Structures are given as structure tokens and as C-alpha cells.
Protein backbone atom coordinates (compact mmCIF):
# COMPACT_ATOMS: atom_id res chain seq x y z
CA MET A 1 0.02 0.03 0.00
CA SER A 2 2.81 2.45 0.94
CA LYS A 3 4.40 1.81 -2.50
CA GLU A 4 1.14 2.72 -4.32
CA ILE A 5 0.94 5.92 -2.15
CA ALA A 6 4.47 6.88 -2.89
CA ILE A 7 3.77 6.52 -6.67
CA LYS A 8 0.72 8.61 -6.46
CA PHE A 9 2.64 11.25 -4.56
CA GLU A 10 5.37 11.31 -7.06
CA ASN A 11 2.97 11.52 -10.02
CA GLN A 12 0.88 14.32 -8.57
CA LEU A 13 4.00 16.38 -7.56
CA SER A 14 5.41 16.26 -11.08
CA LYS A 15 2.13 16.61 -12.85
CA HIS A 16 0.64 19.59 -10.84
CA TYR A 17 3.63 21.40 -9.43
CA LEU A 18 6.56 20.87 -11.45
CA GLN A 19 6.13 24.27 -13.08
CA THR A 20 5.56 25.97 -9.81
CA ILE A 21 8.68 24.56 -8.38
CA LYS A 22 10.59 25.58 -11.40
CA ASP A 23 9.26 29.21 -10.96
CA LEU A 24 10.04 29.23 -7.26
CA LEU A 25 13.78 27.89 -7.88
CA GLU A 26 14.49 30.15 -10.69
CA GLU A 27 16.87 32.19 -8.72
CA GLN A 28 17.89 29.59 -6.09
CA GLU A 29 20.84 27.24 -6.30
CA ILE A 30 18.91 24.02 -6.55
CA ASN A 31 17.95 22.23 -9.87
CA PRO A 32 14.12 21.65 -10.06
CA GLN A 33 14.51 17.92 -11.08
CA GLN A 34 17.04 17.51 -8.27
CA PHE A 35 14.71 19.09 -5.81
CA ILE A 36 11.79 16.92 -6.92
CA HIS A 37 13.98 13.79 -6.41
CA MET A 38 14.87 14.79 -2.83
CA ALA A 39 11.26 15.64 -1.97
CA VAL A 40 10.04 12.19 -3.33
CA ASN A 41 12.79 10.31 -1.53
CA GLN A 42 12.14 12.14 1.74
CA ILE A 43 8.27 11.23 1.56
CA LYS A 44 8.98 7.74 0.58
CA ARG A 45 11.31 7.20 3.67
CA ASN A 46 8.85 8.28 6.07
CA SER A 47 5.50 6.12 6.37
CA ARG A 48 3.88 8.69 8.58
CA LEU A 49 4.40 11.36 5.82
CA LEU A 50 2.82 8.80 3.35
CA GLN A 51 -0.08 8.49 5.65
CA VAL A 52 -0.50 12.21 5.91
CA PHE A 53 -0.23 12.54 2.21
CA ASN A 54 -3.00 10.01 1.80
CA LYS A 55 -5.41 11.98 3.99
CA ASN A 56 -4.27 15.65 3.58
CA PRO A 57 -2.18 15.93 0.33
CA ALA A 58 -2.48 19.73 0.46
CA SER A 59 -0.53 20.09 3.66
CA VAL A 60 2.44 18.02 2.17
CA PHE A 61 2.46 19.84 -1.09
CA SER A 62 2.36 23.12 0.71
CA SER A 63 5.25 22.22 2.88
CA ILE A 64 7.37 21.12 -0.14
CA LEU A 65 6.55 24.26 -2.09
CA THR A 66 7.61 26.31 0.95
CA CYS A 67 10.94 24.50 0.80
CA ALA A 68 11.28 25.55 -2.71
CA GLU A 69 10.22 28.97 -2.06
CA PHE A 70 13.07 29.63 0.21
CA GLY A 71 15.56 27.45 -1.73
CA LEU A 72 15.88 24.98 1.19
CA SER A 73 16.54 21.21 0.79
CA PRO A 74 13.57 19.09 1.85
CA THR A 75 15.75 16.32 2.97
CA ALA A 76 16.30 15.67 6.63
CA GLN A 77 20.00 15.02 6.16
CA MET A 78 20.73 18.51 5.18
CA GLY A 79 19.17 19.99 8.36
CA GLU A 80 17.91 23.03 6.46
CA CYS A 81 14.29 22.31 7.01
CA TRP A 82 12.11 19.53 8.08
CA LEU A 83 8.72 17.89 6.84
CA ILE A 84 7.32 16.91 10.08
CA PRO A 85 4.18 14.57 10.36
CA TYR A 86 1.84 15.95 13.11
CA GLY A 87 -1.49 14.07 13.23
CA ASN A 88 -3.07 14.54 9.65
CA GLU A 89 -0.88 17.50 8.96
CA CYS A 90 2.59 18.05 7.40
CA GLN A 91 4.39 20.72 9.12
CA PHE A 92 7.23 22.87 7.47
CA GLN A 93 9.84 23.67 9.99
CA ILE A 94 13.08 25.56 9.26
CA GLY A 95 16.35 24.16 10.75
CA TYR A 96 19.43 25.89 12.08
CA GLN A 97 21.17 25.34 8.84
CA GLY A 98 18.38 26.85 6.93
CA VAL A 99 18.29 30.01 8.95
CA SER A 100 22.10 30.18 8.50
CA LYS A 101 21.76 29.51 4.82
CA LEU A 102 19.36 32.35 4.38
CA MET A 103 21.47 34.69 6.37
CA TYR A 104 24.72 33.98 4.38
CA ARG A 105 22.70 35.27 1.23
CA ASN A 106 23.46 38.70 2.78
CA PRO A 107 26.97 39.70 1.40
CA ASP A 108 27.72 41.72 4.63
CA VAL A 109 27.47 38.67 6.84
CA GLN A 110 30.93 37.21 7.46
CA ASN A 111 30.25 34.49 10.05
CA ILE A 112 27.42 32.90 12.13
CA SER A 113 28.09 30.95 15.35
CA SER A 114 25.98 29.44 18.08
CA GLU A 115 27.14 27.62 21.14
CA CYS A 116 25.78 26.04 24.27
CA VAL A 117 26.82 27.13 27.83
CA TYR A 118 27.08 24.67 30.70
CA GLU A 119 27.25 25.38 34.44
CA ASN A 120 30.90 24.59 34.70
CA ASP A 121 31.94 26.72 31.80
CA ASP A 122 33.73 30.06 32.24
CA PHE A 123 31.19 32.42 30.71
CA GLU A 124 30.55 36.12 31.10
CA TYR A 125 28.79 38.81 28.97
CA GLU A 126 27.68 42.34 29.20
CA LEU A 127 25.34 44.42 27.36
CA GLY A 128 24.78 48.31 27.14
CA LEU A 129 26.94 50.62 25.04
CA ASN A 130 30.04 48.35 24.77
CA PRO A 131 28.62 44.89 24.78
CA THR A 132 31.12 42.05 25.46
CA LEU A 133 30.97 38.23 25.50
CA SER A 134 33.59 35.73 26.73
CA HIS A 135 33.16 31.86 26.77
CA LYS A 136 35.65 29.38 27.72
CA PRO A 137 34.28 25.82 27.79
CA THR A 138 35.79 23.45 30.40
CA SER A 139 37.57 20.35 29.28
CA VAL A 140 36.06 18.16 32.02
CA ASP A 141 32.52 17.61 33.09
CA ARG A 142 30.58 20.57 31.95
CA GLY A 143 27.54 20.04 33.99
CA GLN A 144 24.04 20.97 32.99
CA LEU A 145 22.95 23.34 30.08
CA ILE A 146 22.28 26.88 31.41
CA ALA A 147 22.22 29.03 28.27
CA VAL A 148 22.65 29.34 24.54
CA TYR A 149 24.17 32.29 22.61
CA CYS A 150 24.42 33.20 18.89
CA VAL A 151 26.82 35.65 17.28
CA VAL A 152 26.73 37.21 13.76
CA ARG A 153 29.79 38.79 12.57
CA PHE A 154 29.78 41.44 9.80
CA LYS A 155 32.38 42.72 7.33
CA ASN A 156 31.95 46.34 8.10
CA GLN A 157 30.50 46.65 11.57
CA ASP A 158 30.78 45.15 15.04
CA PRO A 159 29.38 41.72 15.68
CA ILE A 160 25.78 41.31 17.23
CA PHE A 161 25.04 38.61 19.74
CA LYS A 162 22.04 37.05 21.73
CA VAL A 163 22.18 35.19 24.86
CA MET A 164 19.14 33.10 26.20
CA ASN A 165 19.23 31.31 29.53
CA ILE A 166 17.53 28.06 30.03
CA ASP A 167 14.33 29.71 31.42
CA ASP A 168 14.03 31.92 28.25
CA LEU A 169 14.45 28.81 26.11
CA ARG A 170 11.82 26.85 28.09
CA ALA A 171 9.33 29.58 28.04
CA ILE A 172 9.43 29.53 24.13
CA GLN A 173 9.35 25.84 24.17
CA THR A 174 5.99 25.95 25.93
CA LEU A 175 4.58 28.35 23.36
CA SER A 176 5.35 25.51 20.60
CA LYS A 177 2.51 23.22 19.59
CA ALA A 178 4.42 20.12 20.74
CA GLY A 179 5.42 21.74 24.15
CA ASN A 180 7.08 19.31 26.39
CA ARG A 181 6.62 16.56 23.86
CA SER A 182 9.00 18.09 21.47
CA ILE A 183 12.66 17.05 20.95
CA TRP A 184 13.93 20.04 22.99
CA PHE A 185 16.53 19.03 25.80
CA THR A 186 16.29 15.24 24.75
CA SER A 187 18.62 12.54 23.54
CA LYS A 188 17.05 13.18 20.08
CA ASP A 189 18.65 16.66 20.05
CA PRO A 190 22.04 16.14 21.87
CA GLU A 191 23.58 19.15 20.28
CA ASN A 192 20.55 21.42 21.31
CA TRP A 193 20.01 22.50 17.67
CA MET A 194 16.48 23.59 18.58
CA SER A 195 17.66 25.85 21.33
CA LYS A 196 20.36 27.33 19.10
CA LYS A 197 17.88 27.88 16.19
CA THR A 198 15.54 29.57 18.74
CA CYS A 199 18.28 32.04 19.91
CA PHE A 200 19.21 32.53 16.27
CA LYS A 201 15.66 33.55 15.38
CA GLN A 202 15.48 35.96 18.27
CA LEU A 203 18.88 37.44 17.22
CA CYS A 204 17.30 37.87 13.83
CA LYS A 205 14.89 40.44 15.13
CA LEU A 206 17.76 42.76 15.81
CA LEU A 207 19.34 42.33 12.29
CA PRO A 208 18.81 43.97 8.91
CA LYS A 209 16.95 41.17 7.04
CA ASN A 210 15.71 40.74 3.52
CA LEU A 211 12.18 39.65 2.78
CA ASN A 212 12.80 35.90 2.62
CA MET A 213 14.36 36.08 6.07
CA SER A 214 11.39 37.69 7.54
CA LYS A 215 8.82 35.56 5.95
CA VAL A 216 10.46 32.26 6.59
CA ILE A 217 10.76 33.04 10.35
CA ALA A 218 7.16 34.18 10.40
CA TYR A 219 6.16 30.82 8.86
CA ASP A 220 8.17 28.84 11.37
CA ASN A 221 6.74 30.85 14.33
CA VAL A 222 3.14 30.38 13.09
CA VAL A 223 3.74 26.56 12.57
CA GLU A 224 5.39 26.01 15.88
CA GLY A 225 2.38 27.68 17.58
CA GLY A 226 0.08 25.28 15.90
CA GLY A 227 -0.46 26.82 12.41
CA SER A 228 -1.28 24.53 9.34
CA MET A 229 0.16 24.46 5.92
CA ARG A 230 -2.43 25.02 3.15
CA LEU A 231 -2.50 25.83 -0.53
CA ASP A 232 -4.39 28.92 -1.84
CA GLU A 233 -6.61 28.84 -4.83
CA ASN A 234 -3.51 29.36 -7.04
CA ASN A 235 -1.83 26.32 -5.51
CA HIS A 236 0.61 28.52 -3.64
CA PRO A 237 1.89 27.66 -0.23
CA ILE A 238 0.25 29.52 2.88
CA VAL A 239 0.20 29.14 6.56
CA VAL A 240 -2.92 29.20 8.40
CA ASP A 241 -2.69 30.60 12.02
CA GLN A 242 -5.18 28.44 14.15
CA THR A 243 -4.36 30.12 17.36
CA LYS A 244 -7.55 30.92 19.41
CA THR A 245 -8.19 34.63 19.62
CA THR A 246 -10.38 36.31 22.16
CA ALA A 247 -13.17 36.31 19.60
CA SER A 248 -13.04 32.53 19.05
CA ILE A 249 -12.86 31.86 22.70
CA PHE A 250 -15.93 34.03 23.11
CA GLU A 251 -17.69 32.28 20.26
CA GLN A 252 -16.95 28.77 21.92
CA ALA A 253 -18.26 30.07 25.25
CA MET A 254 -21.55 31.29 23.62
CA GLU A 255 -21.95 27.84 21.97
CA GLU A 256 -21.63 26.24 25.51
CA ASP A 257 -24.18 28.76 26.95
CA ASN A 258 -27.55 26.83 27.49
CA SER A 259 -29.55 29.84 28.12
CA GLU A 260 -32.94 29.83 26.39
CA GLU A 261 -33.44 33.44 26.68
CA PRO A 262 -34.65 34.91 23.24
CA LEU A 263 -32.53 37.19 21.11
CA LEU A 264 -33.37 40.82 21.36
CA PRO A 265 -34.27 42.40 17.92
CA GLY A 266 -31.62 44.70 16.44
CA LEU A 267 -28.77 42.81 18.12
CA ASP A 268 -26.00 40.93 16.11
CA PRO A 269 -27.49 37.35 15.88
CA LYS A 270 -24.07 35.97 17.08
CA ILE A 271 -24.67 37.64 20.62
CA LYS A 272 -27.17 36.62 23.23
CA SER A 273 -28.53 38.94 25.47
CA ALA A 274 -27.29 37.08 28.57
CA LYS A 275 -23.72 37.64 27.36
CA ILE A 276 -24.05 41.15 25.75
CA HIS A 277 -21.83 42.70 28.32
CA LEU A 278 -18.85 40.84 26.60
CA ALA A 279 -19.45 42.21 23.21
CA GLU A 280 -16.57 44.64 23.49
CA LEU A 281 -14.17 41.85 23.56
CA VAL A 282 -15.15 40.42 20.14
CA SER A 283 -15.30 43.49 17.96
CA GLU A 284 -13.62 41.51 15.06
CA GLU A 285 -16.66 39.01 15.06
CA THR A 286 -19.41 41.50 15.45
CA THR A 287 -20.67 44.14 13.36
CA LYS A 288 -21.49 46.64 16.17
CA LYS A 289 -20.66 47.58 19.78
CA TYR A 290 -23.52 48.62 22.07
CA THR A 291 -23.48 51.21 24.81
CA LYS A 292 -25.66 50.92 27.93
CA LYS A 293 -27.99 53.52 26.58
CA GLU A 294 -28.47 51.71 23.26
CA MET A 295 -29.10 48.43 25.20
CA LYS A 296 -31.76 50.07 27.09
CA GLU A 297 -33.40 51.43 24.07
CA ILE A 298 -33.37 48.07 22.29
CA LYS A 299 -34.66 46.24 25.42
CA ASP A 300 -37.42 48.83 25.95
CA LYS A 301 -38.48 48.44 22.19
CA PHE A 302 -38.50 44.62 22.64
CA ASN A 303 -40.74 44.94 25.70
CA GLU A 304 -43.08 47.39 23.86
CA GLU A 305 -43.42 44.91 21.11
CA GLN A 306 -44.18 42.04 23.24
CA VAL A 307 -46.89 43.96 24.93
CA SER A 308 -48.45 44.98 21.69
């Protein structure tokens, strides 16, 4: 069965998305046929990705086209980006090597480095007008991980660095969709690449960045937070942010409200009178806000109509 699904995937990718991939890779370093070969092999080698394709092909194709959009290899071996099966979704996630690759496209960037700091290392840094950073790893037992830092050196200006301690890193980990179930701080990530990438992404906020750099980090942030890969009406990859807003939380609460009180005429039908005082929290979901005076007028009119 897996073989048939893999053949179906390869045929659909070549038939429907070859020209799109060629267009996306026109100014990149990857040959389109080579890219398709890498994508097909990556999907074939992962039975879970084959299952996702069988149930939700759009998320797989969107993730692959996103790789092409940024000129990143879709193979896990390169470490530039990852196609991660999550339930019935395929998630695009950029890797540390991918962020570095995009950053090195800036001709002013000379060197990028990121290191882990352990409790027995000799480590000091200062911020302010004259920032400094010094790190001497110990040659014996280094102890527990306490921080990660990233440094970008430029050709014609002073280097810029970012330091994140273990609490900073764990705080961002909890915001990801996988949370504590992710590979952060586990044997599956012994070099702490997830932490290094996180620090690198935070540092990128302080750097001059081209459009691709901004967009790919925005994609990665949304996907890590629970967003989904989709294709628009033109088969272009998009990321849908499925994070619950105040409005969606309010709407859910309204659905759970068992009140049988009738709707007041003139009110937005999405709002029950029992919860009208919360309308100001969901302005993006309603067509109008109501003051206390307006509420009184509407209610008086309602009572008059009931009497008549």
C-alpha cells in the first residue's frame, strides 16, 4: 500500500507542481529535477508522511513548495528544513542550517556561530553601550545546560550577539504546539539545535533582514504555535494561523451557553442578551458595539413589541 501511495505522490507532484517548483527555484541554487527527487525520497522514507499525504495531500504539497520558495533542501539529512508529520498535518519547520543559509545570502554577513553554555564553563557577557561576551568551555565535566548564545559577525561593523538562559528557552518551548513533547532538551537533540535555532531567530529580530528572512521566520513561528500548511486557490503555499483569539474563545463560550433567553431584535445574531456585556471583547466577530444607553433602548423596544 505504501508503494502505491508513494507512486501517487510522485505522479501528482510532477504533474501539478513541476512548473511552480521551477518558478520558485528560478533564482535559487537547486535544480528543479534534483529538488523533486529529494522531496520524493524524503516522503518515501517516512511512512507517517505517506499517511499524511493520503489523508491531507495539500499540507504535504504546501510544505514542499515552501521549501522551494526559500531554496531549502527538503531532505532531513541537510538539516535546512524539516517535513514533520503531526496528526493529519505535514508541518514545514526551518532548521538551524536553513536559517544560516538564508542569512549567508546577505553579502555583509561574514560568520555565524551558536554555542551552548554549561554550568561549569567560564562564561561572562555584558550589554549596554559596549557589549562583550566571553566563553571558555571546560575540558572536564561541563554540567547542565544553562544558556545558549548566537553571534553574527559582519564585514564592516561590530558583531551582534544574543544570549538566552534556560528559562528563556523553556518559556518559548511551552509556546510551541508540541510543548514538552518536542525534542527540546532530549537525547534526540544532543547538540541542542532547537535551542540554538530559537536563539538565532531571536537575534534575527535585531538584524537587517531581507524579505525571505522575515517571511520564513514568520512561517516557522506560526507553525510552531499550531498553524497549518495549506494551498491557496492558485496552489501557492500559505500558513493558516489557528491560534484561538479572544473572539473565537468568546464564540466557543457562547455555543456552550445553554440559556434559552430569546434574542433581542436589532442585535447581532451572534450575541445572546445574557452575554451582551462581553460584546466589546469580540469586535472583530461582530458588526457593532452597544452602549448601555443603546441596550436600554433596544430592550425597551423589545418589551413594547411584546406587549403589543
